[in-house]
Amino acid sequence: VQKINHMATRATIIVEGQTSVKAYKHWDGYPEATLAWLQEFNQSFAKVRGDDPEYKLAQLLRSSAFDAEKYNLDSSRNTGWGIVPINADMWEEYEYFLRHDGSVDCKPVERHYD
């Protein structure tokens, strides 16, 4: 994976079956910097662990640390990642949805300004 500079492109990551919280990724949330990591993580988790949404969300954050160098993820100890209420508006540009079957959906979040 090519090393790139971090940009504040916010994203949220929803785990299917987790109805109360989602993960927040502050840096590099655009698909070119996030999707490959999420796909590898979710496929591996689904194969090994199956359907376990709470555990998946926790392991996702651990994966962000373990795989930080491989996928050029933010490795800061104090910023960049969070757990937020499922309905929180984080002004994210992208939303990812990790499905039970190991697939990942990605959609841009549209903003409408008056």
N, C-alpha and C. Protein backbone atom coordinates (compact mmCIF):
# COMPACT_ATOMS: atom_id res chain seq x y z
N VAL A 1 0.85 -1.18 0.00
CA VAL A 1 0.00 0.00 0.00
C VAL A 1 0.89 1.24 0.00
N GLN A 2 0.58 2.17 -0.86
CA GLN A 2 1.36 3.40 -0.99
C GLN A 2 1.17 4.29 0.22
N LYS A 3 2.24 4.88 0.72
CA LYS A 3 2.18 5.81 1.85
C LYS A 3 1.63 7.14 1.36
N ILE A 4 0.59 7.66 2.03
CA ILE A 4 -0.02 8.92 1.66
C ILE A 4 -0.14 9.81 2.87
N ASN A 5 -0.27 11.10 2.65
CA ASN A 5 -0.48 12.04 3.75
C ASN A 5 -1.91 11.91 4.24
N HIS A 6 -2.10 12.05 5.55
CA HIS A 6 -3.43 11.94 6.14
C HIS A 6 -4.23 13.21 5.88
N MET A 7 -5.51 13.03 5.53
CA MET A 7 -6.44 14.14 5.34
C MET A 7 -7.65 13.92 6.24
N ALA A 8 -8.26 14.99 6.71
CA ALA A 8 -9.45 14.88 7.54
C ALA A 8 -10.66 14.61 6.66
N THR A 9 -10.76 13.38 6.20
CA THR A 9 -11.92 12.90 5.46
C THR A 9 -12.62 11.92 6.38
N ARG A 10 -13.64 12.42 7.07
CA ARG A 10 -14.29 11.64 8.13
C ARG A 10 -15.14 10.51 7.55
N ALA A 11 -15.19 9.41 8.30
CA ALA A 11 -16.02 8.27 7.92
C ALA A 11 -16.56 7.61 9.18
N THR A 12 -17.69 6.95 9.02
CA THR A 12 -18.22 6.12 10.10
C THR A 12 -18.32 4.69 9.58
N ILE A 13 -18.21 3.75 10.50
CA ILE A 13 -18.22 2.33 10.17
C ILE A 13 -19.27 1.66 11.04
N ILE A 14 -20.29 1.14 10.38
CA ILE A 14 -21.40 0.48 11.08
C ILE A 14 -21.22 -1.02 10.91
N VAL A 15 -21.40 -1.74 12.00
CA VAL A 15 -21.34 -3.20 11.97
C VAL A 15 -22.78 -3.72 11.99
N GLU A 16 -23.12 -4.53 11.00
CA GLU A 16 -24.47 -5.10 10.94
C GLU A 16 -24.79 -5.83 12.24
N GLY A 17 -25.93 -5.51 12.82
CA GLY A 17 -26.35 -6.13 14.07
C GLY A 17 -26.02 -5.29 15.30
N GLN A 18 -25.13 -4.33 15.16
CA GLN A 18 -24.78 -3.43 16.26
C GLN A 18 -25.71 -2.22 16.13
N THR A 19 -26.64 -2.07 17.05
CA THR A 19 -27.69 -1.06 16.91
C THR A 19 -27.50 0.18 17.77
N SER A 20 -26.47 0.21 18.59
CA SER A 20 -26.34 1.36 19.50
C SER A 20 -25.15 2.28 19.19
N VAL A 21 -24.07 1.74 18.63
CA VAL A 21 -22.88 2.55 18.37
C VAL A 21 -22.25 2.18 17.04
N LYS A 22 -21.38 3.08 16.56
CA LYS A 22 -20.61 2.86 15.34
C LYS A 22 -19.21 3.41 15.58
N ALA A 23 -18.28 3.03 14.73
CA ALA A 23 -16.91 3.54 14.82
C ALA A 23 -16.80 4.82 14.00
N TYR A 24 -15.96 5.73 14.49
CA TYR A 24 -15.69 7.00 13.81
C TYR A 24 -14.22 7.02 13.44
N LYS A 25 -13.94 7.31 12.17
CA LYS A 25 -12.56 7.41 11.65
C LYS A 25 -12.38 8.82 11.12
N HIS A 26 -11.52 9.58 11.76
CA HIS A 26 -11.36 11.00 11.41
C HIS A 26 -10.51 11.20 10.15
N TRP A 27 -9.46 10.42 10.02
CA TRP A 27 -8.49 10.64 8.93
C TRP A 27 -8.68 9.64 7.80
N ASP A 28 -8.57 10.12 6.57
CA ASP A 28 -8.48 9.27 5.39
C ASP A 28 -9.64 8.28 5.27
N GLY A 29 -10.86 8.77 5.40
CA GLY A 29 -12.01 7.89 5.32
C GLY A 29 -12.48 7.58 3.91
N TYR A 30 -11.83 8.14 2.90
CA TYR A 30 -12.25 7.91 1.52
C TYR A 30 -11.92 6.45 1.14
N PRO A 31 -12.67 5.89 0.19
CA PRO A 31 -12.54 4.46 -0.13
C PRO A 31 -11.13 4.01 -0.51
N GLU A 32 -10.38 4.82 -1.23
CA GLU A 32 -9.04 4.40 -1.64
C GLU A 32 -8.11 4.15 -0.44
N ALA A 33 -8.41 4.77 0.69
CA ALA A 33 -7.55 4.62 1.87
C ALA A 33 -8.17 3.73 2.94
N THR A 34 -9.41 3.32 2.78
CA THR A 34 -10.11 2.61 3.85
C THR A 34 -10.69 1.27 3.42
N LEU A 35 -11.18 1.17 2.22
CA LEU A 35 -11.95 0.01 1.80
C LEU A 35 -11.16 -1.30 1.83
N ALA A 36 -9.93 -1.31 1.34
CA ALA A 36 -9.15 -2.56 1.32
C ALA A 36 -8.95 -3.10 2.73
N TRP A 37 -8.65 -2.22 3.68
CA TRP A 37 -8.48 -2.64 5.08
C TRP A 37 -9.78 -3.23 5.61
N LEU A 38 -10.90 -2.55 5.41
CA LEU A 38 -12.18 -3.04 5.92
C LEU A 38 -12.57 -4.36 5.27
N GLN A 39 -12.32 -4.50 3.98
CA GLN A 39 -12.66 -5.75 3.30
C GLN A 39 -11.85 -6.91 3.85
N GLU A 40 -10.55 -6.72 4.01
CA GLU A 40 -9.72 -7.79 4.56
C GLU A 40 -10.15 -8.14 5.98
N PHE A 41 -10.34 -7.12 6.80
CA PHE A 41 -10.76 -7.36 8.18
C PHE A 41 -12.08 -8.11 8.23
N ASN A 42 -13.09 -7.62 7.51
CA ASN A 42 -14.43 -8.18 7.63
C ASN A 42 -14.51 -9.60 7.06
N GLN A 43 -13.82 -9.86 5.96
CA GLN A 43 -13.82 -11.21 5.41
C GLN A 43 -13.16 -12.19 6.38
N SER A 44 -12.04 -11.79 6.95
CA SER A 44 -11.34 -12.64 7.91
C SER A 44 -12.19 -12.88 9.16
N PHE A 45 -12.79 -11.82 9.68
CA PHE A 45 -13.60 -11.95 10.89
C PHE A 45 -14.78 -12.87 10.64
N ALA A 46 -15.48 -12.69 9.52
CA ALA A 46 -16.66 -13.50 9.21
C ALA A 46 -16.28 -14.98 9.08
N LYS A 47 -15.14 -15.24 8.48
CA LYS A 47 -14.69 -16.62 8.29
C LYS A 47 -14.34 -17.29 9.63
N VAL A 48 -13.65 -16.55 10.49
CA VAL A 48 -13.15 -17.13 11.74
C VAL A 48 -14.18 -17.06 12.86
N ARG A 49 -14.88 -15.94 12.97
CA ARG A 49 -15.73 -15.70 14.14
C ARG A 49 -17.22 -15.74 13.83
N GLY A 50 -17.60 -15.50 12.57
CA GLY A 50 -19.02 -15.52 12.21
C GLY A 50 -19.71 -14.23 12.60
N ASP A 51 -20.93 -14.36 13.06
CA ASP A 51 -21.79 -13.22 13.38
C ASP A 51 -21.68 -12.88 14.87
N ASP A 52 -20.93 -11.85 15.19
CA ASP A 52 -20.74 -11.41 16.58
C ASP A 52 -20.47 -9.91 16.54
N PRO A 53 -21.54 -9.07 16.39
CA PRO A 53 -21.37 -7.65 16.12
C PRO A 53 -20.58 -6.87 17.18
N GLU A 54 -20.81 -7.15 18.45
CA GLU A 54 -20.10 -6.39 19.49
C GLU A 54 -18.61 -6.71 19.47
N TYR A 55 -18.30 -7.98 19.32
CA TYR A 55 -16.91 -8.39 19.27
C TYR A 55 -16.25 -7.85 18.00
N LYS A 56 -17.00 -7.86 16.89
CA LYS A 56 -16.45 -7.36 15.62
C LYS A 56 -16.06 -5.90 15.73
N LEU A 57 -16.91 -5.09 16.35
CA LEU A 57 -16.60 -3.66 16.49
C LEU A 57 -15.33 -3.46 17.32
N ALA A 58 -15.20 -4.20 18.41
CA ALA A 58 -13.99 -4.08 19.24
C ALA A 58 -12.75 -4.53 18.47
N GLN A 59 -12.85 -5.64 17.76
CA GLN A 59 -11.72 -6.15 17.00
C GLN A 59 -11.35 -5.24 15.83
N LEU A 60 -12.35 -4.54 15.29
CA LEU A 60 -12.08 -3.57 14.23
C LEU A 60 -11.13 -2.48 14.73
N LEU A 61 -11.39 -1.96 15.91
CA LEU A 61 -10.50 -0.92 16.45
C LEU A 61 -9.12 -1.48 16.76
N ARG A 62 -9.05 -2.70 17.25
CA ARG A 62 -7.74 -3.33 17.46
C ARG A 62 -7.00 -3.50 16.14
N SER A 63 -7.75 -3.88 15.10
CA SER A 63 -7.16 -4.04 13.78
C SER A 63 -6.57 -2.73 13.27
N SER A 64 -7.21 -1.61 13.61
CA SER A 64 -6.69 -0.32 13.16
C SER A 64 -5.29 -0.06 13.72
N ALA A 65 -5.01 -0.59 14.89
CA ALA A 65 -3.67 -0.46 15.47
C ALA A 65 -2.71 -1.50 14.89
N PHE A 66 -3.16 -2.76 14.83
CA PHE A 66 -2.31 -3.83 14.31
C PHE A 66 -1.94 -3.61 12.85
N ASP A 67 -2.89 -3.10 12.06
CA ASP A 67 -2.69 -2.96 10.62
C ASP A 67 -2.38 -1.53 10.19
N ALA A 68 -2.03 -0.67 11.14
CA ALA A 68 -1.79 0.75 10.84
C ALA A 68 -0.70 0.93 9.79
N GLU A 69 0.38 0.23 9.93
CA GLU A 69 1.48 0.40 8.97
C GLU A 69 1.12 -0.18 7.61
N LYS A 70 0.53 -1.36 7.59
CA LYS A 70 0.18 -2.03 6.34
C LYS A 70 -0.77 -1.19 5.49
N TYR A 71 -1.76 -0.53 6.16
CA TYR A 71 -2.78 0.22 5.43
C TYR A 71 -2.67 1.73 5.61
N ASN A 72 -1.56 2.19 6.17
CA ASN A 72 -1.34 3.63 6.39
C ASN A 72 -2.48 4.26 7.19
N LEU A 73 -2.91 3.56 8.25
CA LEU A 73 -3.97 4.06 9.12
C LEU A 73 -3.37 4.98 10.18
N ASP A 74 -4.18 5.87 10.70
CA ASP A 74 -3.74 6.78 11.75
C ASP A 74 -3.32 5.97 12.98
N SER A 75 -2.10 6.15 13.41
CA SER A 75 -1.59 5.39 14.55
C SER A 75 -1.49 6.23 15.82
N SER A 76 -2.11 7.39 15.82
CA SER A 76 -2.09 8.25 17.00
C SER A 76 -2.74 7.55 18.19
N ARG A 77 -2.19 7.77 19.36
CA ARG A 77 -2.76 7.18 20.57
C ARG A 77 -3.94 8.00 21.12
N ASN A 78 -4.07 9.25 20.72
CA ASN A 78 -5.05 10.13 21.37
C ASN A 78 -6.11 10.73 20.45
N THR A 79 -5.95 10.57 19.15
CA THR A 79 -6.92 11.15 18.22
C THR A 79 -7.16 10.20 17.06
N GLY A 80 -8.14 10.52 16.25
CA GLY A 80 -8.33 9.81 15.00
C GLY A 80 -9.42 8.75 14.99
N TRP A 81 -9.74 8.15 16.14
CA TRP A 81 -10.70 7.05 16.21
C TRP A 81 -11.67 7.30 17.36
N GLY A 82 -12.89 6.80 17.21
CA GLY A 82 -13.85 6.92 18.29
C GLY A 82 -15.00 5.95 18.14
N ILE A 83 -15.75 5.82 19.21
CA ILE A 83 -17.02 5.09 19.22
C ILE A 83 -18.08 6.12 19.52
N VAL A 84 -19.08 6.22 18.66
CA VAL A 84 -20.10 7.25 18.78
C VAL A 84 -21.48 6.60 18.69
N PRO A 85 -22.52 7.29 19.18
CA PRO A 85 -23.87 6.75 19.05
C PRO A 85 -24.20 6.48 17.58
N ILE A 86 -24.98 5.45 17.34
CA ILE A 86 -25.30 5.02 15.97
C ILE A 86 -25.93 6.14 15.15
N ASN A 87 -26.68 7.03 15.80
CA ASN A 87 -27.36 8.10 15.07
C ASN A 87 -26.60 9.43 15.10
N ALA A 88 -25.37 9.43 15.59
CA ALA A 88 -24.58 10.68 15.66
C ALA A 88 -24.20 11.15 14.26
N ASP A 89 -24.34 12.44 14.06
CA ASP A 89 -23.88 13.05 12.81
C ASP A 89 -22.46 13.56 13.04
N MET A 90 -21.52 12.88 12.45
CA MET A 90 -20.10 13.22 12.62
C MET A 90 -19.58 14.04 11.43
N TRP A 91 -20.48 14.52 10.61
CA TRP A 91 -20.13 15.22 9.38
C TRP A 91 -19.21 14.36 8.53
N GLU A 92 -19.51 13.06 8.55
CA GLU A 92 -18.71 12.13 7.78
C GLU A 92 -18.99 12.28 6.29
N GLU A 93 -17.94 12.06 5.52
CA GLU A 93 -18.07 12.08 4.06
C GLU A 93 -18.44 10.70 3.51
N TYR A 94 -18.08 9.65 4.26
CA TYR A 94 -18.37 8.28 3.84
C TYR A 94 -18.90 7.47 5.01
N GLU A 95 -19.76 6.51 4.65
CA GLU A 95 -20.28 5.56 5.64
C GLU A 95 -20.03 4.15 5.10
N TYR A 96 -19.45 3.32 5.95
CA TYR A 96 -19.17 1.93 5.60
C TYR A 96 -20.08 1.04 6.43
N PHE A 97 -20.49 -0.07 5.84
CA PHE A 97 -21.38 -1.01 6.51
C PHE A 97 -20.77 -2.40 6.39
N LEU A 98 -20.34 -2.97 7.52
CA LEU A 98 -19.73 -4.29 7.54
C LEU A 98 -20.84 -5.33 7.74
N ARG A 99 -21.04 -6.16 6.73
CA ARG A 99 -22.12 -7.14 6.74
C ARG A 99 -21.68 -8.45 7.40
N HIS A 100 -22.67 -9.21 7.86
CA HIS A 100 -22.41 -10.51 8.49
C HIS A 100 -21.63 -11.44 7.57
N ASP A 101 -21.89 -11.38 6.26
CA ASP A 101 -21.29 -12.33 5.33
C ASP A 101 -19.85 -11.98 4.94
N GLY A 102 -19.31 -10.89 5.51
CA GLY A 102 -17.93 -10.50 5.22
C GLY A 102 -17.80 -9.42 4.16
N SER A 103 -18.90 -9.05 3.54
CA SER A 103 -18.83 -7.99 2.54
C SER A 103 -18.89 -6.62 3.20
N VAL A 104 -18.51 -5.59 2.45
CA VAL A 104 -18.49 -4.22 2.95
C VAL A 104 -19.18 -3.32 1.94
N ASP A 105 -20.14 -2.55 2.39
CA ASP A 105 -20.77 -1.54 1.56
C ASP A 105 -20.16 -0.18 1.89
N CYS A 106 -20.04 0.67 0.90
CA CYS A 106 -19.51 2.03 1.10
C CYS A 106 -20.41 2.99 0.34
N LYS A 107 -20.80 4.07 1.00
CA LYS A 107 -21.58 5.08 0.31
C LYS A 107 -21.14 6.47 0.76
N PRO A 108 -21.10 7.41 -0.17
CA PRO A 108 -20.83 8.78 0.24
C PRO A 108 -22.05 9.33 0.97
N VAL A 109 -21.81 10.18 1.95
CA VAL A 109 -22.90 10.80 2.71
C VAL A 109 -23.16 12.15 2.08
N GLU A 110 -24.37 12.33 1.61
CA GLU A 110 -24.72 13.60 0.97
C GLU A 110 -25.09 14.65 2.01
N ARG A 111 -24.62 15.84 1.78
CA ARG A 111 -24.93 16.98 2.64
C ARG A 111 -25.70 17.99 1.83
N HIS A 112 -26.74 18.54 2.43
CA HIS A 112 -27.53 19.57 1.76
C HIS A 112 -27.45 20.85 2.60
N TYR A 113 -27.03 21.90 1.97
CA TYR A 113 -26.85 23.17 2.67
C TYR A 113 -27.89 24.17 2.20
N ASP A 114 -28.42 24.95 3.12
CA ASP A 114 -29.39 25.99 2.76
C ASP A 114 -28.69 27.25 2.33
